């Protein structure tokens, strides 16, 4: 696991509520939580965290939509009987 993934994973585990899907907000959160000497490293960390949380949010949204569709199918089947 490279250092971007490792550091990002550690930060997300320790401070899950500090980060969101906004890149600029994640950069500010990184400045508050960690001492990152390099602007490039900070941006890479914030970008990785942002992408990971956006992907996670999209997966949750898709699973919720699938569950809703399943419930609607059951209700329509019960109505037909």
Protein backbone atom coordinates (compact mmCIF):
# COMPACT_ATOMS: atom_id res chain seq x y z
CA UNK A 1 0.00 0.00 0.00
CA UNK A 2 1.53 3.31 -0.96
CA UNK A 3 1.90 6.15 1.51
CA UNK A 4 -1.04 8.20 0.19
CA UNK A 5 -3.47 5.33 0.75
CA UNK A 6 -1.92 4.41 4.09
CA UNK A 7 -1.94 7.91 5.53
CA UNK A 8 -5.43 8.64 4.17
CA UNK A 9 -6.80 5.42 5.61
CA UNK A 10 -5.32 6.18 9.02
CA UNK A 11 -6.75 9.70 9.02
CA UNK A 12 -10.19 8.49 7.95
CA UNK A 13 -10.20 5.86 10.70
CA UNK A 14 -9.15 8.32 13.40
CA UNK A 15 -11.28 11.28 12.25
CA UNK A 16 -14.19 10.03 10.09
CA UNK A 17 -16.42 13.04 10.76
CA UNK A 18 -13.82 15.65 9.77
CA UNK A 19 -13.82 14.74 6.06
CA UNK A 20 -16.45 14.98 3.35
CA UNK A 21 -16.86 15.03 -0.41
CA UNK A 22 -15.52 18.58 -0.85
CA UNK A 23 -11.84 18.81 -1.83
CA UNK A 24 -11.20 22.27 -0.36
CA UNK A 25 -12.84 21.36 2.95
CA UNK A 26 -10.68 18.24 3.13
CA UNK A 27 -7.52 20.31 2.52
CA UNK A 28 -8.47 22.56 5.44
CA UNK A 29 -9.21 19.56 7.64
CA UNK A 30 -5.80 18.10 6.80
CA UNK A 31 -4.14 21.37 7.84
CA UNK A 32 -5.92 21.18 11.19
CA UNK A 33 -5.29 17.49 11.87
CA UNK A 34 -1.82 16.81 10.54
CA UNK A 35 1.44 18.55 9.82
CA UNK A 36 1.90 18.14 6.08
CA UNK A 37 5.03 19.97 4.95
CA UNK A 38 4.46 19.58 1.24
CA UNK A 39 1.58 21.25 -0.61
CA UNK A 40 1.69 18.49 -3.24
CA UNK A 41 1.39 15.78 -0.58
CA UNK A 42 -1.49 17.61 1.12
CA UNK A 43 -3.33 17.92 -2.19
CA UNK A 44 -2.76 14.26 -3.01
CA UNK A 45 -4.08 13.21 0.40
CA UNK A 46 -7.11 15.48 0.12
CA UNK A 47 -7.79 14.23 -3.41
CA UNK A 48 -7.57 10.58 -2.41
CA UNK A 49 -9.84 11.11 0.60
CA UNK A 50 -12.36 13.04 -1.53
CA UNK A 51 -12.42 10.39 -4.25
CA UNK A 52 -12.78 7.58 -1.72
CA UNK A 53 -15.67 9.26 0.10
CA UNK A 54 -17.45 10.16 -3.16
CA UNK A 55 -17.14 6.56 -4.35
CA UNK A 56 -18.43 5.31 -0.99
CA UNK A 57 -21.40 7.72 -1.15
CA UNK A 58 -22.24 6.60 -4.69
CA UNK A 59 -22.16 2.94 -3.64
CA UNK A 60 -24.45 3.62 -0.68
CA UNK A 61 -26.86 5.54 -2.90
CA UNK A 62 -26.92 2.70 -5.44
CA UNK A 63 -27.55 0.07 -2.77
CA UNK A 64 -30.38 2.15 -1.29
CA UNK A 65 -31.95 2.54 -4.75
CA UNK A 66 -31.70 -1.22 -5.32
CA UNK A 67 -33.36 -1.89 -1.96
CA UNK A 68 -36.18 0.54 -2.77
CA UNK A 69 -36.73 -1.14 -6.14
CA UNK A 70 -36.89 -4.52 -4.43
CA UNK A 71 -39.51 -3.27 -1.98
CA UNK A 72 -41.60 -1.81 -4.82
CA UNK A 73 -41.43 -5.12 -6.70
CA UNK A 74 -42.66 -7.01 -3.63
CA UNK A 75 -45.50 -4.56 -3.12
CA UNK A 76 -46.59 -4.82 -6.75
CA UNK A 77 -46.48 -8.64 -6.60
CA UNK A 78 -48.57 -8.64 -3.42
CA UNK A 79 -51.09 -6.26 -5.01
CA UNK A 80 -51.48 -8.56 -8.03
CA UNK A 81 -52.31 -11.56 -5.83
